Amino acid sequence: MKAATVIPGKPDSSAVNELPDPEPEPGELLVEGLLAGVCGTDEDVVSSVHGSAPPGKDRLVLFHESLGRVRYAPAISGFREGDHLVGVVRRPDPQPCAACAAGQWDFCRNNGYTECGIKELDGFGAQLWTVEPRFAVPVAHRLGDLGVLTEPASVVAKAWEQAEKIGKRSYFSPRRVLVTGAGPVGLLAALMGAQRELEVHVLDRVTEGTKPDLVRALGASYHTSLDELGFEPEMVFEATGSGEVVFDVLRRTSRNAITVLLGISGSDRTVRVPTGAVNDELVLDNDVVLGSVSANLRHYRSAVQALDNADREWLGRLISRRVPLDRWQEALSSEQDDVKVVVDLRD
């Protein structure tokens, strides 16, 4: 079988390798890889910003956003041949902390977790892969290739869950939500806001093309400047990773606002911040700012439900480009109007 691989820590080592077909361990599923989604984390692994190979191996099979079709399923697995599924990215510490033992490995306390395609586990960028049933999430067959959006949607589903849980600390009846960044995560956050029948506003610097069109197709408002808002948002999902945007947003939120940070800055650039003023605003307004990363099984299932309830044509427009496995490196180069780029693993 073919697989997209890299030697972590060694720039310019990316390749398409012929690897032996995997043999499932007792109880495991054998899965035919269909699609792999590409995001900034994959770019960081390829460029050696981070990433580590499985113990005893030099190369790491890439990609953590998956869609596969079951080729072999044990009778007691709960899956059948032909089922569509995605693999859970983060796995619990082999010597689990309290959070991992409770099934909440996305909140691992001791950094001993592993991650497919990122940290010590091969990813899903291969024509065949194996997975334990407990780390496989069924995807409605009617979603077809759109199931590849499940992993990023799971991250967003967790963010919404966290925000809503925090909101219930007191009176909580949000009407408007602001999403900063109209990439895949931001657009999926906007989708879930629209599904909750909230007034959704999305901020991005792109002035025309697919992103503004997708926002407006949701019935949401699109902005290129915070000065255009004309209101103080009650909930914010920040998906740009820009320090300037984060602190500009925090100065503009309403009382009791909840801001969820989903973007990674990925740089050492410093930003001058009036820390005293920000502190006073957070305290005096009962504001909450939280970071959210990864997801557990509950969030994957919520993501599948959200995708299944969405308009198929709208979801299809999120997948802006498909790259064949033999040329997977092209997926790392951004093109104008890209939203979500996927690698097609099928011959």
C-alpha atoms as a PDB file:
ATOM      1  CA  MET A   1       0.000   0.000   0.000  1.00  0.00           C
ATOM      2  CA  LYS A   2       0.999   3.647  -0.424  1.00  0.00           C
ATOM      3  CA  ALA A   3       1.273   6.137   2.408  1.00  0.00           C
ATOM      4  CA  ALA A   4       2.243   9.776   2.904  1.00  0.00           C
ATOM      5  CA  THR A   5       5.147   9.889   5.341  1.00  0.00           C
ATOM      6  CA  VAL A   6       7.776  12.123   6.867  1.00  0.00           C
ATOM      7  CA  ILE A   7      10.772  11.712   9.158  1.00  0.00           C
ATOM      8  CA  PRO A   8       9.891  13.976  12.105  1.00  0.00           C
ATOM      9  CA  GLY A   9      12.591  16.492  12.821  1.00  0.00           C
ATOM     10  CA  LYS A  10      14.078  16.171   9.348  1.00  0.00           C
ATOM     11  CA  PRO A  11      12.911  18.838   6.909  1.00  0.00           C
ATOM     12  CA  ASP A  12      12.539  17.841   3.250  1.00  0.00           C
ATOM     13  CA  SER A  13      11.954  14.188   4.177  1.00  0.00           C
ATOM     14  CA  SER A  14       8.332  13.992   2.996  1.00  0.00           C
ATOM     15  CA  ALA A  15       7.584  11.133   0.614  1.00  0.00           C
ATOM     16  CA  VAL A  16       5.090   8.641  -0.734  1.00  0.00           C
ATOM     17  CA  ASN A  17       6.242   5.241   0.475  1.00  0.00           C
ATOM     18  CA  GLU A  18       5.225   1.698  -0.359  1.00  0.00           C
ATOM     19  CA  LEU A  19       4.577   0.029   2.985  1.00  0.00           C
ATOM     20  CA  PRO A  20       3.466  -3.501   3.879  1.00  0.00           C
ATOM     21  CA  ASP A  21      -0.285  -3.884   4.227  1.00  0.00           C
ATOM     22  CA  PRO A  22      -1.148  -3.675   7.932  1.00  0.00           C
ATOM     23  CA  GLU A  23      -2.315  -6.786   9.731  1.00  0.00           C
ATOM     24  CA  PRO A  24      -5.062  -6.024  12.257  1.00  0.00           C
ATOM     25  CA  GLU A  25      -4.471  -7.190  15.785  1.00  0.00           C
ATOM     26  CA  PRO A  26      -7.184  -9.372  17.348  1.00  0.00           C
ATOM     27  CA  GLY A  27     -10.320  -7.280  17.674  1.00  0.00           C
ATOM     28  CA  GLU A  28      -9.101  -4.492  15.367  1.00  0.00           C
ATOM     29  CA  LEU A  29     -10.757  -3.176  12.223  1.00  0.00           C
ATOM     30  CA  LEU A  30      -8.990  -3.110   8.867  1.00  0.00           C
ATOM     31  CA  VAL A  31      -9.936   0.102   7.078  1.00  0.00           C
ATOM     32  CA  GLU A  32      -9.547   1.270   3.494  1.00  0.00           C
ATOM     33  CA  GLY A  33      -8.448   4.908   3.557  1.00  0.00           C
ATOM     34  CA  LEU A  34     -10.653   7.144   1.406  1.00  0.00           C
ATOM     35  CA  LEU A  35      -9.724  10.732   2.231  1.00  0.00           C
ATOM     36  CA  ALA A  36      -7.435  12.602   4.601  1.00  0.00           C
ATOM     37  CA  GLY A  37      -8.010  16.239   5.479  1.00  0.00           C
ATOM     38  CA  VAL A  38      -5.071  18.637   5.674  1.00  0.00           C
ATOM     39  CA  CYS A  39      -4.628  21.425   8.223  1.00  0.00           C
ATOM     40  CA  GLY A  40      -1.925  23.630   9.687  1.00  0.00           C
ATOM     41  CA  THR A  41      -0.878  20.945  12.160  1.00  0.00           C
ATOM     42  CA  ASP A  42       0.133  18.697   9.273  1.00  0.00           C
ATOM     43  CA  GLU A  43       2.192  21.522   7.802  1.00  0.00           C
ATOM     44  CA  ASP A  44       3.959  21.904  11.154  1.00  0.00           C
ATOM     45  CA  VAL A  45       4.749  18.184  11.320  1.00  0.00           C
ATOM     46  CA  VAL A  46       6.134  18.168   7.773  1.00  0.00           C
ATOM     47  CA  SER A  47       8.239  21.262   8.456  1.00  0.00           C
ATOM     48  CA  SER A  48       9.552  19.734  11.715  1.00  0.00           C
ATOM     49  CA  VAL A  49       7.955  22.282  14.044  1.00  0.00           C
ATOM     50  CA  HIS A  50       6.722  19.274  16.013  1.00  0.00           C
ATOM     51  CA  GLY A  51       5.794  15.632  15.546  1.00  0.00           C
ATOM     52  CA  SER A  52       7.277  12.297  16.613  1.00  0.00           C
ATOM     53  CA  ALA A  53       7.334   8.859  15.001  1.00  0.00           C
ATOM     54  CA  PRO A  54       6.008   5.696  16.645  1.00  0.00           C
ATOM     55  CA  PRO A  55       8.548   4.003  18.919  1.00  0.00           C
ATOM     56  CA  GLY A  56      11.055   1.982  16.898  1.00  0.00           C
ATOM     57  CA  LYS A  57      10.248   3.735  13.620  1.00  0.00           C
ATOM     58  CA  ASP A  58      11.952   6.548  11.731  1.00  0.00           C
ATOM     59  CA  ARG A  59       8.988   7.559   9.611  1.00  0.00           C
ATOM     60  CA  LEU A  60       5.546   8.775  10.624  1.00  0.00           C
ATOM     61  CA  VAL A  61       2.476   8.199   8.469  1.00  0.00           C
ATOM     62  CA  LEU A  62       0.838  11.611   8.205  1.00  0.00           C
ATOM     63  CA  PHE A  63      -2.621  13.141   8.621  1.00  0.00           C
ATOM     64  CA  HIS A  64      -5.055  13.052  11.512  1.00  0.00           C
ATOM     65  CA  GLU A  65      -8.278  13.984   9.696  1.00  0.00           C
ATOM     66  CA  SER A  66      -9.661  10.768   8.251  1.00  0.00           C
ATOM     67  CA  LEU A  67     -12.415   9.040   6.375  1.00  0.00           C
ATOM     68  CA  GLY A  68     -12.300   5.307   5.754  1.00  0.00           C
ATOM     69  CA  ARG A  69     -14.402   2.330   4.779  1.00  0.00           C
ATOM     70  CA  VAL A  70     -14.311  -0.896   6.762  1.00  0.00           C
ATOM     71  CA  ARG A  71     -12.716  -3.740   4.846  1.00  0.00           C
ATOM     72  CA  TYR A  72     -12.713  -6.270   7.724  1.00  0.00           C
ATOM     73  CA  ALA A  73     -14.587  -6.121  11.017  1.00  0.00           C
ATOM     74  CA  PRO A  74     -14.606  -8.695  13.834  1.00  0.00           C
ATOM     75  CA  ALA A  75     -18.088  -9.974  14.638  1.00  0.00           C
ATOM     76  CA  ILE A  76     -18.199  -8.281  18.043  1.00  0.00           C
ATOM     77  CA  SER A  77     -16.804  -4.929  16.871  1.00  0.00           C
ATOM     78  CA  GLY A  78     -20.139  -3.236  16.198  1.00  0.00           C
ATOM     79  CA  PHE A  79     -19.031  -2.478  12.638  1.00  0.00           C
ATOM     80  CA  ARG A  80     -19.684  -4.229   9.342  1.00  0.00           C
ATOM     81  CA  GLU A  81     -17.777  -4.406   6.077  1.00  0.00           C
ATOM     82  CA  GLY A  82     -18.509  -1.302   4.009  1.00  0.00           C
ATOM     83  CA  ASP A  83     -19.277   0.990   6.953  1.00  0.00           C
ATOM     84  CA  HIS A  84     -17.828   4.488   6.805  1.00  0.00           C
ATOM     85  CA  LEU A  85     -15.916   5.703   9.832  1.00  0.00           C
ATOM     86  CA  VAL A  86     -13.294   8.108  11.123  1.00  0.00           C
ATOM     87  CA  GLY A  87     -10.477   7.408  13.535  1.00  0.00           C
ATOM     88  CA  VAL A  88     -10.168   9.272  16.823  1.00  0.00           C
ATOM     89  CA  VAL A  89      -6.971  11.332  16.791  1.00  0.00           C
ATOM     90  CA  ARG A  90      -5.955  11.591  20.437  1.00  0.00           C
ATOM     91  CA  ARG A  91      -5.559   8.393  22.436  1.00  0.00           C
ATOM     92  CA  PRO A  92      -5.244   8.038  26.209  1.00  0.00           C
ATOM     93  CA  ASP A  93      -1.957   7.741  28.034  1.00  0.00           C
ATOM     94  CA  PRO A  94      -0.997   4.026  28.281  1.00  0.00           C
ATOM     95  CA  GLN A  95      -0.661   4.719  31.990  1.00  0.00           C
ATOM     96  CA  PRO A  96      -3.728   6.906  32.146  1.00  0.00           C
ATOM     97  CA  CYS A  97      -4.111   9.997  34.219  1.00  0.00           C
ATOM     98  CA  ALA A  98      -7.470  10.531  35.900  1.00  0.00           C
ATOM     99  CA  ALA A  99      -8.882  12.359  32.880  1.00  0.00           C
ATOM    100  CA  CYS A 100      -7.767   9.676  30.399  1.00  0.00           C
ATOM    101  CA  ALA A 101      -9.161   6.947  32.635  1.00  0.00           C
ATOM    102  CA  ALA A 102     -12.515   8.738  32.559  1.00  0.00           C
ATOM    103  CA  GLY A 103     -12.558   8.751  28.745  1.00  0.00           C
ATOM    104  CA  GLN A 104     -11.613  12.432  28.544  1.00  0.00           C
ATOM    105  CA  TRP A 105      -8.192  12.074  26.966  1.00  0.00           C
ATOM    106  CA  ASP A 106      -8.638  15.468  25.333  1.00  0.00           C
ATOM    107  CA  PHE A 107      -8.019  16.778  28.871  1.00  0.00           C
ATOM    108  CA  CYS A 108      -4.980  14.571  29.553  1.00  0.00           C
ATOM    109  CA  ARG A 109      -3.198  15.980  32.603  1.00  0.00           C
ATOM    110  CA  ASN A 110       0.285  14.515  32.211  1.00  0.00           C
ATOM    111  CA  ASN A 111       1.006  14.941  28.472  1.00  0.00           C
ATOM    112  CA  GLY A 112       1.303  11.170  28.077  1.00  0.00           C
ATOM    113  CA  TYR A 113      -1.364  10.942  25.375  1.00  0.00           C
ATOM    114  CA  THR A 114      -0.544   9.949  21.796  1.00  0.00           C
ATOM    115  CA  GLU A 115      -1.998  11.360  18.576  1.00  0.00           C
ATOM    116  CA  CYS A 116      -2.406   9.746  15.177  1.00  0.00           C
ATOM    117  CA  GLY A 117      -0.271  11.428  12.555  1.00  0.00           C
ATOM    118  CA  ILE A 118       1.224  13.785  15.127  1.00  0.00           C
ATOM    119  CA  LYS A 119       2.637  12.178  18.246  1.00  0.00           C
ATOM    120  CA  GLU A 120       3.954   8.592  18.355  1.00  0.00           C
ATOM    121  CA  LEU A 121       1.124   7.012  16.339  1.00  0.00           C
ATOM    122  CA  ASP A 122       0.858   6.618  12.578  1.00  0.00           C
ATOM    123  CA  GLY A 123      -1.823   8.734  10.979  1.00  0.00           C
ATOM    124  CA  PHE A 124      -4.510   8.053   8.425  1.00  0.00           C
ATOM    125  CA  GLY A 125      -2.677   9.101   5.255  1.00  0.00           C
ATOM    126  CA  ALA A 126      -2.452   5.528   4.000  1.00  0.00           C
ATOM    127  CA  GLN A 127      -4.502   3.349   1.692  1.00  0.00           C
ATOM    128  CA  LEU A 128      -5.025   0.878   4.532  1.00  0.00           C
ATOM    129  CA  TRP A 129      -4.998   1.397   8.294  1.00  0.00           C
ATOM    130  CA  THR A 130      -6.156  -0.375  11.415  1.00  0.00           C
ATOM    131  CA  VAL A 131      -8.047   0.887  14.433  1.00  0.00           C
ATOM    132  CA  GLU A 132      -9.541  -0.483  17.613  1.00  0.00           C
ATOM    133  CA  PRO A 133     -13.358  -0.245  17.502  1.00  0.00           C
ATOM    134  CA  ARG A 134     -13.368   1.923  20.619  1.00  0.00           C
ATOM    135  CA  PHE A 135     -11.402   4.567  18.714  1.00  0.00           C
ATOM    136  CA  ALA A 136     -13.548   4.390  15.584  1.00  0.00           C
ATOM    137  CA  VAL A 137     -16.581   6.616  15.064  1.00  0.00           C
ATOM    138  CA  PRO A 138     -19.283   5.545  12.591  1.00  0.00           C
ATOM    139  CA  VAL A 139     -20.213   8.121   9.973  1.00  0.00           C
ATOM    140  CA  ALA A 140     -23.552   8.127   8.177  1.00  0.00           C
ATOM    141  CA  HIS A 141     -23.001   6.552   4.771  1.00  0.00           C
ATOM    142  CA  ARG A 142     -25.229   9.203   3.202  1.00  0.00           C
ATOM    143  CA  LEU A 143     -22.617  11.850   4.044  1.00  0.00           C
ATOM    144  CA  GLY A 144     -20.215  10.214   1.595  1.00  0.00           C
ATOM    145  CA  ASP A 145     -16.932  12.105   1.267  1.00  0.00           C
ATOM    146  CA  LEU A 146     -18.256  14.872   3.522  1.00  0.00           C
ATOM    147  CA  GLY A 147     -17.487  12.582   6.459  1.00  0.00           C
ATOM    148  CA  VAL A 148     -13.869  13.762   6.220  1.00  0.00           C
ATOM    149  CA  LEU A 149     -15.033  16.949   7.949  1.00  0.00           C
ATOM    150  CA  THR A 150     -15.829  15.011  11.133  1.00  0.00           C
ATOM    151  CA  GLU A 151     -12.538  15.589  12.951  1.00  0.00           C
ATOM    152  CA  PRO A 152     -12.461  19.392  12.599  1.00  0.00           C
ATOM    153  CA  ALA A 153     -16.182  19.429  13.385  1.00  0.00           C
ATOM    154  CA  SER A 154     -15.475  17.443  16.572  1.00  0.00           C
ATOM    155  CA  VAL A 155     -13.071  20.146  17.764  1.00  0.00           C
ATOM    156  CA  VAL A 156     -15.776  22.746  17.161  1.00  0.00           C
ATOM    157  CA  ALA A 157     -18.451  20.606  18.837  1.00  0.00           C
ATOM    158  CA  LYS A 158     -16.279  20.433  21.941  1.00  0.00           C
ATOM    159  CA  ALA A 159     -15.781  24.212  21.899  1.00  0.00           C
ATOM    160  CA  TRP A 160     -19.540  24.793  21.749  1.00  0.00           C
ATOM    161  CA  GLU A 161     -20.093  22.287  24.546  1.00  0.00           C
ATOM    162  CA  GLN A 162     -17.524  23.991  26.764  1.00  0.00           C
ATOM    163  CA  ALA A 163     -18.947  27.457  26.112  1.00  0.00           C
ATOM    164  CA  GLU A 164     -22.487  26.338  26.860  1.00  0.00           C
ATOM    165  CA  LYS A 165     -21.464  24.568  30.054  1.00  0.00           C
ATOM    166  CA  ILE A 166     -19.712  27.695  31.280  1.00  0.00           C
ATOM    167  CA  GLY A 167     -22.680  29.837  30.296  1.00  0.00           C
ATOM    168  CA  LYS A 168     -24.905  27.839  32.620  1.00  0.00           C
ATOM    169  CA  ARG A 169     -22.938  29.138  35.616  1.00  0.00           C
ATOM    170  CA  SER A 170     -25.519  31.972  35.618  1.00  0.00           C
ATOM    171  CA  TYR A 171     -28.354  33.404  33.546  1.00  0.00           C
ATOM    172  CA  PHE A 172     -27.465  32.462  29.986  1.00  0.00           C
ATOM    173  CA  SER A 173     -29.521  33.348  26.930  1.00  0.00           C
ATOM    174  CA  PRO A 174     -27.160  34.326  24.104  1.00  0.00           C
ATOM    175  CA  ARG A 175     -28.611  35.799  20.928  1.00  0.00           C
ATOM    176  CA  ARG A 176     -25.499  36.607  18.922  1.00  0.00           C
ATOM    177  CA  VAL A 177     -22.191  34.869  18.327  1.00  0.00           C
ATOM    178  CA  LEU A 178     -19.041  36.163  16.679  1.00  0.00           C
ATOM    179  CA  VAL A 179     -16.657  33.814  14.863  1.00  0.00           C
ATOM    180  CA  THR A 180     -13.253  35.206  13.948  1.00  0.00           C
ATOM    181  CA  GLY A 181     -11.655  33.400  11.014  1.00  0.00           C
ATOM    182  CA  ALA A 182     -13.500  31.852   8.062  1.00  0.00           C
ATOM    183  CA  GLY A 183     -11.349  28.777   7.605  1.00  0.00           C
ATOM    184  CA  PRO A 184     -12.812  25.290   8.079  1.00  0.00           C
ATOM    185  CA  VAL A 185     -12.964  25.567  11.885  1.00  0.00           C
ATOM    186  CA  GLY A 186     -14.519  29.026  11.796  1.00  0.00           C
ATOM    187  CA  LEU A 187     -17.086  28.062   9.173  1.00  0.00           C
ATOM    188  CA  LEU A 188     -18.043  24.928  11.097  1.00  0.00           C
ATOM    189  CA  ALA A 189     -18.413  27.047  14.242  1.00  0.00           C
ATOM    190  CA  ALA A 190     -20.692  29.376  12.276  1.00  0.00           C
ATOM    191  CA  LEU A 191     -22.687  26.376  11.036  1.00  0.00           C
ATOM    192  CA  MET A 192     -23.242  25.128  14.584  1.00  0.00           C
ATOM    193  CA  GLY A 193     -24.271  28.615  15.662  1.00  0.00           C
ATOM    194  CA  ALA A 194     -26.823  28.758  12.851  1.00  0.00           C
ATOM    195  CA  GLN A 195     -28.102  25.313  13.835  1.00  0.00           C
ATOM    196  CA  ARG A 196     -28.707  26.749  17.316  1.00  0.00           C
ATOM    197  CA  GLU A 197     -30.752  29.532  15.679  1.00  0.00           C
ATOM    198  CA  LEU A 198     -28.394  32.249  16.884  1.00  0.00           C
ATOM    199  CA  GLU A 199     -27.542  35.429  15.016  1.00  0.00           C
ATOM    200  CA  VAL A 200     -24.115  34.564  13.594  1.00  0.00           C
ATOM    201  CA  HIS A 201     -21.414  37.038  12.582  1.00  0.00           C
ATOM    202  CA  VAL A 202     -18.107  35.992  10.980  1.00  0.00           C
ATOM    203  CA  LEU A 203     -14.970  38.118  10.710  1.00  0.00           C
ATOM    204  CA  ASP A 204     -12.239  37.474   8.141  1.00  0.00           C
ATOM    205  CA  ARG A 205      -9.910  39.617   6.042  1.00  0.00           C
ATOM    206  CA  VAL A 206     -10.919  38.023   2.718  1.00  0.00           C
ATOM    207  CA  THR A 207     -13.230  40.409   0.878  1.00  0.00           C
ATOM    208  CA  GLU A 208     -14.740  38.149  -1.792  1.00  0.00           C
ATOM    209  CA  GLY A 209     -14.956  34.554  -2.959  1.00  0.00           C
ATOM    210  CA  THR A 210     -16.021  31.299  -1.351  1.00  0.00           C
ATOM    211  CA  LYS A 211     -15.675  32.262   2.315  1.00  0.00           C
ATOM    212  CA  PRO A 212     -18.015  35.283   2.331  1.00  0.00           C
ATOM    213  CA  ASP A 213     -20.438  33.357   0.125  1.00  0.00           C
ATOM    214  CA  LEU A 214     -20.494  30.387   2.522  1.00  0.00           C
ATOM    215  CA  VAL A 215     -21.144  32.660   5.493  1.00  0.00           C
ATOM    216  CA  ARG A 216     -24.019  34.429   3.780  1.00  0.00           C
ATOM    217  CA  ALA A 217     -25.463  31.104   2.606  1.00  0.00           C
ATOM    218  CA  LEU A 218     -25.915  30.258   6.298  1.00  0.00           C
ATOM    219  CA  GLY A 219     -27.949  33.416   6.771  1.00  0.00           C
ATOM    220  CA  ALA A 220     -25.034  34.870   8.740  1.00  0.00           C
ATOM    221  CA  SER A 221     -23.320  38.263   8.440  1.00  0.00           C
ATOM    222  CA  TYR A 222     -19.789  38.644   7.085  1.00  0.00           C
ATOM    223  CA  HIS A 223     -17.391  41.357   8.263  1.00  0.00           C
ATOM    224  CA  THR A 224     -13.844  42.371   7.403  1.00  0.00           C
ATOM    225  CA  SER A 225     -13.408  44.685  10.410  1.00  0.00           C
ATOM    226  CA  LEU A 226     -14.504  44.554  14.025  1.00  0.00           C
ATOM    227  CA  ASP A 227     -15.559  48.183  13.667  1.00  0.00           C
ATOM    228  CA  GLU A 228     -18.386  46.979  11.397  1.00  0.00           C
ATOM    229  CA  LEU A 229     -20.056  44.883  14.084  1.00  0.00           C
ATOM    230  CA  GLY A 230     -22.097  47.535  15.809  1.00  0.00           C
ATOM    231  CA  PHE A 231     -22.694  45.346  18.867  1.00  0.00           C
ATOM    232  CA  GLU A 232     -20.847  43.644  21.716  1.00  0.00           C
ATOM    233  CA  PRO A 233     -20.739  39.862  21.156  1.00  0.00           C
ATOM    234  CA  GLU A 234     -21.907  37.576  23.938  1.00  0.00           C
ATOM    235  CA  MET A 235     -20.048  34.532  22.620  1.00  0.00           C
ATOM    236  CA  VAL A 236     -16.869  34.460  20.531  1.00  0.00           C
ATOM    237  CA  PHE A 237     -15.138  31.556  18.812  1.00  0.00           C
ATOM    238  CA  GLU A 238     -11.650  32.728  17.882  1.00  0.00           C
ATOM    239  CA  ALA A 239     -10.170  30.657  15.047  1.00  0.00           C
ATOM    240  CA  THR A 240      -7.458  32.902  13.586  1.00  0.00           C
ATOM    241  CA  GLY A 241      -4.728  32.404  16.178  1.00  0.00           C
ATOM    242  CA  SER A 242      -3.816  36.071  15.763  1.00  0.00           C
ATOM    243  CA  GLY A 243      -2.790  37.720  19.019  1.00  0.00           C
ATOM    244  CA  GLU A 244      -3.895  41.102  17.727  1.00  0.00           C
ATOM    245  CA  VAL A 245      -7.368  39.791  16.900  1.00  0.00           C
ATOM    246  CA  VAL A 246      -7.694  38.011  20.262  1.00  0.00           C
ATOM    247  CA  PHE A 247      -7.029  41.102  22.344  1.00  0.00           C
ATOM    248  CA  ASP A 248      -9.003  43.387  20.064  1.00  0.00           C
ATOM    249  CA  VAL A 249     -12.005  41.078  20.474  1.00  0.00           C
ATOM    250  CA  LEU A 250     -11.626  40.907  24.254  1.00  0.00           C
ATOM    251  CA  ARG A 251     -11.945  44.692  24.449  1.00  0.00           C
ATOM    252  CA  ARG A 252     -15.266  44.576  22.596  1.00  0.00           C
ATOM    253  CA  THR A 253     -17.263  41.757  24.205  1.00  0.00           C
ATOM    254  CA  SER A 254     -20.416  42.236  26.256  1.00  0.00           C
ATOM    255  CA  ARG A 255     -20.739  41.671  29.976  1.00  0.00           C
ATOM    256  CA  ASN A 256     -20.607  37.981  30.959  1.00  0.00           C
ATOM    257  CA  ALA A 257     -19.119  37.125  27.568  1.00  0.00           C
ATOM    258  CA  ILE A 258     -17.479  33.787  26.803  1.00  0.00           C
ATOM    259  CA  THR A 259     -14.557  33.676  24.379  1.00  0.00           C
ATOM    260  CA  VAL A 260     -13.223  30.323  23.177  1.00  0.00           C
ATOM    261  CA  LEU A 261      -9.742  30.296  21.671  1.00  0.00           C
ATOM    262  CA  LEU A 262      -9.344  27.662  18.948  1.00  0.00           C
ATOM    263  CA  GLY A 263      -6.510  29.071  16.848  1.00  0.00           C
ATOM    264  CA  ILE A 264      -2.789  28.426  17.349  1.00  0.00           C
ATOM    265  CA  SER A 265      -0.480  31.391  16.845  1.00  0.00           C
ATOM    266  CA  GLY A 266       2.568  29.311  15.915  1.00  0.00           C
ATOM    267  CA  SER A 267       5.070  32.121  16.286  1.00  0.00           C
ATOM    268  CA  ASP A 268       7.194  33.966  18.831  1.00  0.00           C
ATOM    269  CA  ARG A 269       5.883  37.337  17.732  1.00  0.00           C
ATOM    270  CA  THR A 270       5.016  39.555  20.674  1.00  0.00           C
ATOM    271  CA  VAL A 271       2.004  41.851  20.918  1.00  0.00           C
ATOM    272  CA  ARG A 272       1.844  44.951  23.095  1.00  0.00           C
ATOM    273  CA  VAL A 273      -1.171  44.475  25.351  1.00  0.00           C
ATOM    274  CA  PRO A 274      -2.622  46.795  28.028  1.00  0.00           C
ATOM    275  CA  THR A 275      -2.703  43.918  30.476  1.00  0.00           C
ATOM    276  CA  GLY A 276      -4.153  45.959  33.329  1.00  0.00           C
ATOM    277  CA  ALA A 277      -7.093  47.136  31.235  1.00  0.00           C
ATOM    278  CA  VAL A 278      -7.730  43.615  29.907  1.00  0.00           C
ATOM    279  CA  ASN A 279      -7.598  42.206  33.436  1.00  0.00           C
ATOM    280  CA  ASP A 280     -10.027  44.803  34.732  1.00  0.00           C
ATOM    281  CA  GLU A 281     -12.451  44.172  31.880  1.00  0.00           C
ATOM    282  CA  LEU A 282     -12.427  40.411  32.412  1.00  0.00           C
ATOM    283  CA  VAL A 283     -12.946  40.755  36.155  1.00  0.00           C
ATOM    284  CA  LEU A 284     -15.488  43.549  36.217  1.00  0.00           C
ATOM    285  CA  ASP A 285     -17.558  42.074  33.369  1.00  0.00           C
ATOM    286  CA  ASN A 286     -17.523  38.450  34.597  1.00  0.00           C
ATOM    287  CA  ASP A 287     -15.942  37.482  31.271  1.00  0.00           C
ATOM    288  CA  VAL A 288     -14.461  34.046  30.576  1.00  0.00           C
ATOM    289  CA  VAL A 289     -11.664  33.198  28.155  1.00  0.00           C
ATOM    290  CA  LEU A 290     -10.782  29.548  27.588  1.00  0.00           C
ATOM    291  CA  GLY A 291      -8.670  27.477  25.255  1.00  0.00           C
ATOM    292  CA  SER A 292      -9.994  24.305  23.666  1.00  0.00           C
ATOM    293  CA  VAL A 293      -8.160  21.591  21.742  1.00  0.00           C
ATOM    294  CA  SER A 294      -8.812  18.055  20.511  1.00  0.00           C
ATOM    295  CA  ALA A 295     -11.984  16.061  21.239  1.00  0.00           C
ATOM    296  CA  ASN A 296     -13.270  12.854  22.783  1.00  0.00           C
ATOM    297  CA  LEU A 297     -15.870  10.360  21.580  1.00  0.00           C
ATOM    298  CA  ARG A 298     -18.820  12.449  22.722  1.00  0.00           C
ATOM    299  CA  HIS A 299     -17.677  15.346  20.572  1.00  0.00           C
ATOM    300  CA  TYR A 300     -17.084  13.158  17.522  1.00  0.00           C
ATOM    301  CA  ARG A 301     -20.636  11.866  17.788  1.00  0.00           C
ATOM    302  CA  SER A 302     -21.987  15.394  18.124  1.00  0.00           C
ATOM    303  CA  ALA A 303     -19.957  16.380  15.068  1.00  0.00           C
ATOM    304  CA  VAL A 304     -21.415  13.560  12.974  1.00  0.00           C
ATOM    305  CA  GLN A 305     -24.910  14.669  13.985  1.00  0.00           C
ATOM    306  CA  ALA A 306     -24.209  18.307  13.109  1.00  0.00           C
ATOM    307  CA  LEU A 307     -22.830  17.346   9.695  1.00  0.00           C
ATOM    308  CA  ASP A 308     -25.748  15.021   9.029  1.00  0.00           C
ATOM    309  CA  ASN A 309     -28.182  17.856   9.815  1.00  0.00           C
ATOM    310  CA  ALA A 310     -26.375  20.337   7.554  1.00  0.00           C
ATOM    311  CA  ASP A 311     -27.090  21.175   3.938  1.00  0.00           C
ATOM    312  CA  ARG A 312     -25.026  18.790   1.804  1.00  0.00           C
ATOM    313  CA  GLU A 313     -24.352  21.335  -0.926  1.00  0.00           C
ATOM    314  CA  TRP A 314     -23.054  23.846   1.626  1.00  0.00           C
ATOM    315  CA  LEU A 315     -20.776  21.255   3.244  1.00  0.00           C
ATOM    316  CA  GLY A 316     -19.503  20.197  -0.163  1.00  0.00           C
ATOM    317  CA  ARG A 317     -18.290  23.726  -0.845  1.00  0.00           C
ATOM    318  CA  LEU A 318     -16.011  23.520   2.201  1.00  0.00           C
ATOM    319  CA  ILE A 319     -13.912  20.935   0.348  1.00  0.00           C
ATOM    320  CA  SER A 320     -12.287  23.291  -2.095  1.00  0.00           C
ATOM    321  CA  ARG A 321      -9.541  21.089  -3.508  1.00  0.00           C
ATOM    322  CA  ARG A 322      -8.658  17.387  -3.797  1.00  0.00           C
ATOM    323  CA  VAL A 323      -5.085  16.219  -4.270  1.00  0.00           C
ATOM    324  CA  PRO A 324      -4.110  12.652  -5.227  1.00  0.00           C
ATOM    325  CA  LEU A 325      -1.947  10.688  -2.803  1.00  0.00           C
ATOM    326  CA  ASP A 326       0.976  10.572  -5.220  1.00  0.00           C
ATOM    327  CA  ARG A 327       1.131  14.386  -5.108  1.00  0.00           C
ATOM    328  CA  TRP A 328       0.038  14.926  -1.503  1.00  0.00           C
ATOM    329  CA  GLN A 329       2.682  17.612  -0.875  1.00  0.00           C
ATOM    330  CA  GLU A 330       0.661  19.944  -3.120  1.00  0.00           C
ATOM    331  CA  ALA A 331      -2.020  19.986  -0.437  1.00  0.00           C
ATOM    332  CA  LEU A 332       0.333  21.917   1.848  1.00  0.00           C
ATOM    333  CA  SER A 333       0.553  24.873  -0.539  1.00  0.00           C
ATOM    334  CA  SER A 334      -2.346  27.249  -0.092  1.00  0.00           C
ATOM    335  CA  GLU A 335      -4.153  28.433  -3.195  1.00  0.00           C
ATOM    336  CA  GLN A 336      -6.495  31.368  -3.572  1.00  0.00           C
ATOM    337  CA  ASP A 337      -9.977  30.585  -2.254  1.00  0.00           C
ATOM    338  CA  ASP A 338      -8.871  27.389  -0.472  1.00  0.00           C
ATOM    339  CA  VAL A 339     -11.041  26.338   2.445  1.00  0.00           C
ATOM    340  CA  LYS A 340     -10.468  22.647   3.166  1.00  0.00           C
ATOM    341  CA  VAL A 341      -7.981  20.665   1.093  1.00  0.00           C
ATOM    342  CA  VAL A 342      -8.125  16.866   1.194  1.00  0.00           C
ATOM    343  CA  VAL A 343      -5.844  14.110  -0.026  1.00  0.00           C
ATOM    344  CA  ASP A 344      -7.606  11.384  -2.023  1.00  0.00           C
ATOM    345  CA  LEU A 345      -6.111   8.047  -0.959  1.00  0.00           C
ATOM    346  CA  ARG A 346      -7.927   5.998  -3.588  1.00  0.00           C
ATOM    347  CA  ASP A 347      -6.077   4.785  -6.706  1.00  0.00           C
END
